[in-house]
N, C-alpha and C. Protein backbone atom coordinates (compact mmCIF):
# COMPACT_ATOMS: atom_id res chain seq x y z
N UNK A 1 3.48 0.12 50.71
CA UNK A 1 2.61 -0.81 49.15
C UNK A 1 1.89 -1.73 49.27
N UNK A 2 1.02 -0.77 49.65
CA UNK A 2 0.21 -1.98 49.39
C UNK A 2 -0.30 -2.83 48.73
N UNK A 3 -0.08 -2.77 47.92
CA UNK A 3 0.04 -3.81 45.98
C UNK A 3 0.57 -4.73 45.96
N UNK A 4 1.08 -5.19 47.31
CA UNK A 4 2.63 -6.13 47.55
C UNK A 4 1.70 -7.34 48.24
N UNK A 5 0.87 -6.94 48.75
CA UNK A 5 -0.29 -7.74 49.21
C UNK A 5 -1.37 -8.22 48.42
N UNK A 6 -2.11 -7.02 47.98
CA UNK A 6 -3.07 -7.58 46.58
C UNK A 6 -2.32 -8.47 45.64
N UNK A 7 -1.17 -8.52 45.08
CA UNK A 7 -0.67 -9.03 44.01
C UNK A 7 -1.01 -10.71 45.22
N UNK A 8 0.18 -10.51 46.02
CA UNK A 8 -0.62 -12.03 46.83
C UNK A 8 -2.35 -12.55 46.79
N UNK A 9 -2.62 -11.92 46.80
CA UNK A 9 -3.97 -12.68 46.97
C UNK A 9 -4.29 -12.98 45.45
N UNK A 10 -3.83 -12.01 44.52
CA UNK A 10 -4.42 -12.25 43.24
C UNK A 10 -3.67 -14.11 43.08
N UNK A 11 -2.29 -14.06 43.39
CA UNK A 11 -1.35 -15.65 43.22
C UNK A 11 -2.25 -16.13 44.22
N UNK A 12 -3.07 -16.02 45.08
CA UNK A 12 -3.27 -17.36 46.01
C UNK A 12 -5.26 -17.74 44.86
N UNK A 13 -5.96 -16.56 44.79
CA UNK A 13 -6.39 -16.72 43.44
C UNK A 13 -6.12 -17.75 42.36
N UNK A 14 -5.48 -17.79 42.02
CA UNK A 14 -4.87 -17.74 40.50
C UNK A 14 -4.74 -19.77 40.75
N UNK A 15 -3.44 -19.90 42.10
CA UNK A 15 -3.43 -21.04 42.78
C UNK A 15 -4.46 -21.92 42.97
N UNK A 16 -5.27 -21.21 43.93
CA UNK A 16 -6.78 -22.50 43.52
C UNK A 16 -7.53 -22.64 42.69
N UNK A 17 -7.95 -21.44 41.62
CA UNK A 17 -8.42 -21.94 40.39
C UNK A 17 -7.48 -23.03 39.70
N UNK A 18 -6.09 -22.61 39.77
CA UNK A 18 -5.43 -24.37 39.08
C UNK A 18 -6.15 -25.53 39.45
N UNK A 19 -5.76 -25.70 40.80
CA UNK A 19 -6.08 -26.78 41.96
C UNK A 19 -7.34 -27.00 41.63
N UNK A 20 -8.66 -26.35 41.42
CA UNK A 20 -10.55 -26.70 40.84
C UNK A 20 -9.92 -27.24 39.75
N UNK A 21 -8.96 -26.45 38.76
CA UNK A 21 -9.40 -26.70 37.16
C UNK A 21 -8.57 -27.09 36.12
N UNK A 22 -7.34 -28.01 36.97
CA UNK A 22 -6.19 -28.36 36.72
C UNK A 22 -6.00 -28.40 35.67
N UNK A 23 -5.01 -26.93 35.98
CA UNK A 23 -4.17 -26.36 34.25
C UNK A 23 -3.10 -26.39 35.46
N UNK A 24 -1.90 -25.92 34.54
CA UNK A 24 -0.86 -25.91 35.34
C UNK A 24 0.24 -24.45 34.93
N UNK A 25 -0.03 -23.46 34.21
CA UNK A 25 0.54 -22.87 33.85
C UNK A 25 -0.22 -21.52 32.99
N UNK A 26 -0.20 -20.51 33.61
CA UNK A 26 -1.49 -18.78 33.53
C UNK A 26 -0.24 -17.87 32.19
N UNK A 27 -0.46 -17.81 31.35
CA UNK A 27 -0.23 -16.98 30.64
C UNK A 27 -0.39 -15.89 30.99
N UNK A 28 -1.61 -15.50 30.93
CA UNK A 28 -2.15 -14.00 31.21
C UNK A 28 -3.55 -13.72 32.10
N UNK A 29 -2.94 -12.78 33.34
CA UNK A 29 -3.87 -12.65 33.68
C UNK A 29 -5.27 -11.40 33.62
N UNK A 30 -5.73 -11.53 33.21
CA UNK A 30 -6.87 -9.76 33.26
C UNK A 30 -7.46 -9.81 34.48
N UNK A 31 -7.01 -8.75 34.73
CA UNK A 31 -7.13 -7.89 36.57
C UNK A 31 -8.51 -6.83 35.99
N UNK A 32 -9.87 -6.47 36.59
CA UNK A 32 -9.90 -5.14 36.56
C UNK A 32 -9.46 -4.08 37.93
N UNK A 33 -9.78 -3.30 37.99
CA UNK A 33 -9.10 -2.39 38.63
C UNK A 33 -9.56 -0.99 38.14
N UNK A 34 -10.90 -1.33 39.26
CA UNK A 34 -11.66 0.50 39.84
C UNK A 34 -11.01 2.18 39.64
N UNK A 35 -11.15 2.97 39.13
CA UNK A 35 -10.31 4.48 39.38
C UNK A 35 -10.77 4.91 40.88
N UNK A 36 -11.50 4.23 41.62
CA UNK A 36 -11.61 4.21 43.33
C UNK A 36 -11.20 3.78 44.42
N UNK A 37 -10.72 2.84 43.36
CA UNK A 37 -10.20 1.62 44.58
C UNK A 37 -8.83 1.51 45.21
N UNK A 38 -8.20 2.65 45.09
CA UNK A 38 -6.82 2.82 45.98
C UNK A 38 -6.01 2.02 45.41
N UNK A 39 -5.73 1.42 44.28
CA UNK A 39 -5.01 0.58 43.67
C UNK A 39 -3.63 1.17 42.20
N UNK A 40 -3.07 1.94 42.70
CA UNK A 40 -1.71 2.28 41.49
C UNK A 40 -1.89 1.07 40.33
N UNK A 41 -1.80 1.16 39.36
CA UNK A 41 -1.90 0.21 38.63
C UNK A 41 -0.22 0.32 37.96
N UNK A 42 0.55 1.14 37.99
CA UNK A 42 2.14 0.54 37.42
C UNK A 42 2.05 0.13 39.00
N UNK A 43 2.29 0.05 39.87
CA UNK A 43 2.82 -0.37 40.85
C UNK A 43 2.13 -1.78 41.16
N UNK A 44 0.53 -2.10 41.28
CA UNK A 44 0.49 -3.73 40.84
C UNK A 44 1.37 -4.18 39.92
N UNK A 45 1.57 -3.08 38.80
CA UNK A 45 2.27 -4.42 37.14
C UNK A 45 3.63 -5.07 38.04
N UNK A 46 4.66 -4.02 38.86
CA UNK A 46 5.70 -4.59 39.46
C UNK A 46 5.46 -5.32 40.39
N UNK A 47 4.73 -4.80 41.23
CA UNK A 47 4.41 -6.03 42.96
C UNK A 47 3.64 -7.66 42.01
N UNK A 48 2.86 -7.21 40.79
CA UNK A 48 2.86 -8.84 39.91
C UNK A 48 3.73 -9.48 39.52
N UNK A 49 4.82 -8.85 39.35
CA UNK A 49 5.76 -9.49 38.45
C UNK A 49 6.94 -10.12 39.73
N UNK A 50 7.09 -9.42 40.94
CA UNK A 50 7.88 -9.78 41.88
C UNK A 50 7.34 -10.83 42.21
N UNK A 51 5.95 -11.19 42.86
CA UNK A 51 5.16 -12.11 43.18
C UNK A 51 4.85 -13.44 42.24
N UNK A 52 4.69 -12.98 41.17
CA UNK A 52 4.46 -14.88 40.76
C UNK A 52 5.91 -14.80 39.62
N UNK A 53 6.83 -14.53 40.54
CA UNK A 53 8.23 -14.77 40.03
C UNK A 53 8.01 -16.93 40.80
N UNK A 54 8.66 -17.96 39.64
CA UNK A 54 8.86 -19.20 40.07
C UNK A 54 7.20 -19.17 40.62
N UNK A 55 6.54 -19.29 40.03
CA UNK A 55 4.79 -19.58 40.86
C UNK A 55 4.08 -20.42 38.95
N UNK A 56 3.52 -20.79 39.43
CA UNK A 56 2.54 -21.05 37.71
C UNK A 56 2.19 -20.42 36.61
N UNK A 57 2.21 -18.67 37.35
CA UNK A 57 2.33 -17.65 36.67
C UNK A 57 3.21 -16.86 37.03
N UNK A 58 4.61 -17.51 36.51
CA UNK A 58 6.19 -16.92 36.44
C UNK A 58 5.96 -16.29 34.60
N UNK A 59 6.35 -15.03 34.30
CA UNK A 59 6.14 -14.68 33.21
C UNK A 59 5.28 -14.68 32.47
N UNK A 60 4.06 -14.97 33.52
CA UNK A 60 2.76 -14.21 32.81
C UNK A 60 2.70 -12.80 32.33
N UNK A 61 1.54 -12.66 31.91
CA UNK A 61 1.34 -10.80 31.21
C UNK A 61 0.03 -10.13 32.30
N UNK A 62 0.14 -9.39 32.97
CA UNK A 62 -0.97 -8.63 33.47
C UNK A 62 -1.25 -7.57 33.26
N UNK A 63 -3.12 -7.84 32.21
CA UNK A 63 -3.63 -6.97 31.88
C UNK A 63 -4.54 -6.33 32.42
N UNK A 64 -4.45 -5.09 32.45
CA UNK A 64 -5.71 -4.38 33.44
C UNK A 64 -6.37 -3.27 32.90
N UNK A 65 -7.81 -4.16 33.67
CA UNK A 65 -8.67 -3.79 32.72
C UNK A 65 -9.35 -2.29 33.73
N UNK A 66 -9.00 -0.55 33.28
CA UNK A 66 -9.69 0.15 34.57
C UNK A 66 -10.88 0.61 34.17
N UNK A 67 -11.64 0.56 35.30
CA UNK A 67 -13.37 0.35 35.37
C UNK A 67 -13.14 2.06 35.76
N UNK A 68 -14.46 2.66 35.55
CA UNK A 68 -14.26 4.05 35.50
C UNK A 68 -15.16 4.18 37.05
N UNK A 69 -14.69 5.29 37.60
CA UNK A 69 -15.65 5.45 38.97
C UNK A 69 -16.93 6.18 38.41
N UNK A 70 -17.54 5.73 39.39
CA UNK A 70 -19.31 6.06 39.72
C UNK A 70 -20.30 6.00 41.06
N UNK A 71 -20.67 7.53 40.78
CA UNK A 71 -21.53 7.71 42.13
C UNK A 71 -23.07 8.13 42.31
N UNK A 72 -24.16 7.94 42.96
CA UNK A 72 -24.85 8.32 43.04
C UNK A 72 -25.44 9.52 44.01
N UNK A 73 -25.62 10.71 43.34
CA UNK A 73 -25.44 12.20 44.02
C UNK A 73 -27.10 11.91 45.18
N UNK A 74 -26.77 12.28 45.84
CA UNK A 74 -27.81 12.09 46.82
C UNK A 74 -28.65 13.73 46.67
N UNK A 75 -27.76 14.25 46.35
CA UNK A 75 -28.44 15.84 46.31
C UNK A 75 -29.50 15.90 45.00
N UNK A 76 -29.07 15.69 43.88
CA UNK A 76 -30.49 15.74 42.11
C UNK A 76 -30.60 14.23 41.90
N UNK A 77 -29.99 13.22 42.67
CA UNK A 77 -30.72 12.19 42.59
C UNK A 77 -30.18 11.16 41.00
N UNK A 78 -28.91 11.98 40.81
CA UNK A 78 -28.18 11.34 39.34
C UNK A 78 -27.08 10.13 39.52
N UNK A 79 -27.27 9.21 38.97
CA UNK A 79 -25.88 8.94 38.99
C UNK A 79 -25.03 9.60 38.14
N UNK A 80 -23.54 9.67 38.43
CA UNK A 80 -22.44 10.37 37.66
C UNK A 80 -20.83 9.90 37.96
N UNK A 81 -20.26 10.18 37.02
CA UNK A 81 -19.14 9.53 36.89
C UNK A 81 -18.16 9.84 37.83
N UNK A 82 -17.52 9.38 38.47
CA UNK A 82 -16.40 9.92 39.57
C UNK A 82 -15.19 9.62 39.83
N UNK A 83 -14.97 10.94 39.64
CA UNK A 83 -13.12 10.70 39.63
C UNK A 83 -13.08 10.13 40.75
N UNK A 84 -12.79 10.90 42.17
CA UNK A 84 -12.44 10.76 43.29
C UNK A 84 -13.29 10.52 43.91
N UNK A 85 -12.71 9.66 45.05
CA UNK A 85 -13.80 9.87 46.33
C UNK A 85 -14.06 11.08 46.98
N UNK A 86 -15.12 11.43 47.33
CA UNK A 86 -15.38 12.85 48.05
C UNK A 86 -15.60 14.00 47.49
N UNK A 87 -16.09 14.14 45.94
CA UNK A 87 -16.11 14.77 44.58
C UNK A 87 -16.98 15.33 45.01
N UNK A 88 -17.44 16.28 44.30
CA UNK A 88 -18.35 17.28 44.72
C UNK A 88 -19.32 16.22 43.11
N UNK A 89 -20.68 16.94 43.14
CA UNK A 89 -21.44 16.13 42.08
C UNK A 89 -21.39 17.06 40.99
N UNK A 90 -20.59 16.35 39.62
CA UNK A 90 -20.51 17.15 39.18
C UNK A 90 -21.40 17.57 37.53
N UNK A 91 -22.90 17.38 37.96
CA UNK A 91 -23.51 17.81 37.31
C UNK A 91 -24.37 19.01 38.10
N UNK A 92 -24.53 18.88 39.25
CA UNK A 92 -25.01 20.04 40.11
C UNK A 92 -24.06 20.45 41.32
N UNK A 93 -23.23 20.45 41.03
CA UNK A 93 -22.04 20.21 42.43
C UNK A 93 -22.44 20.41 43.99
N UNK A 94 -23.03 18.92 43.91
CA UNK A 94 -23.70 19.00 45.21
C UNK A 94 -23.40 17.77 46.68
N UNK A 95 -23.22 17.63 47.23
CA UNK A 95 -23.04 16.75 48.27
C UNK A 95 -23.92 16.12 48.80
N UNK A 96 -23.99 15.20 49.78
CA UNK A 96 -22.71 13.72 49.00
C UNK A 96 -22.96 13.13 47.81
N UNK A 97 -21.74 12.07 47.42
CA UNK A 97 -22.11 11.78 46.76
C UNK A 97 -21.41 10.49 46.66
N UNK A 98 -22.25 9.16 47.04
CA UNK A 98 -21.66 8.09 47.47
C UNK A 98 -21.65 6.79 45.97
N UNK A 99 -20.28 6.35 46.05
CA UNK A 99 -19.68 5.60 45.35
C UNK A 99 -20.31 4.54 44.97
N UNK A 100 -20.78 3.80 43.44
CA UNK A 100 -21.47 3.07 43.35
C UNK A 100 -20.98 2.26 42.08
N UNK A 101 -20.07 2.53 41.98
CA UNK A 101 -19.01 1.60 41.06
C UNK A 101 -17.18 2.03 40.47
N UNK A 102 -16.47 1.26 40.37
CA UNK A 102 -15.47 1.55 39.84
C UNK A 102 -14.49 1.74 41.32
N UNK A 103 -15.50 0.68 42.29
CA UNK A 103 -14.36 0.73 44.27
C UNK A 103 -13.47 -0.56 43.99
N UNK A 104 -13.89 -1.70 43.04
CA UNK A 104 -13.56 -3.27 43.39
C UNK A 104 -12.02 -3.04 42.49
N UNK A 105 -11.70 -4.00 43.08
CA UNK A 105 -10.72 -4.79 42.28
C UNK A 105 -10.40 -5.79 42.03
N UNK A 106 -11.05 -7.01 41.20
CA UNK A 106 -10.95 -8.32 41.07
C UNK A 106 -10.44 -9.10 39.51
N UNK A 107 -9.83 -10.42 39.63
CA UNK A 107 -9.53 -11.47 38.56
C UNK A 107 -10.20 -11.23 37.59
N UNK A 108 -10.58 -11.17 37.01
CA UNK A 108 -11.87 -11.15 35.76
C UNK A 108 -11.31 -12.33 34.87
N UNK A 109 -10.23 -12.09 33.85
CA UNK A 109 -10.25 -13.79 33.44
C UNK A 109 -8.70 -14.29 33.79
N UNK A 110 -8.22 -15.11 33.70
CA UNK A 110 -7.12 -15.94 33.39
C UNK A 110 -6.82 -16.65 31.97
N UNK A 111 -6.00 -16.56 31.17
CA UNK A 111 -5.53 -17.41 29.81
C UNK A 111 -4.41 -18.80 30.66
N UNK A 112 -5.25 -19.53 30.18
CA UNK A 112 -4.12 -20.40 31.06
C UNK A 112 -3.96 -21.61 29.67
N UNK A 113 -2.58 -22.28 30.45
CA UNK A 113 -2.32 -23.70 29.49
C UNK A 113 -3.07 -24.86 29.87
């Protein structure tokens, strides 16, 4: 379950931000997860709660913002919605379609005290 190591990375980002911006408590973490990022949102929620326990983000709410997958079809040169990597182009059925969006995972915002 790589979501555990991803949650640990989120904690590191939160702790770094707390040192820089001098806050002591995190209430909410807004996390963007791309549809093509190979991150399972429910597993991430579980791991988030476990990793944040006993830290400045203990009890914080994780709000997941899902980002749609997007790709560029090299066959018809259109930007299309992409549900999974290596799928054919939904517009023309061609290949390859290069993922151009929805592959990321990032902390979008923190609600702090």
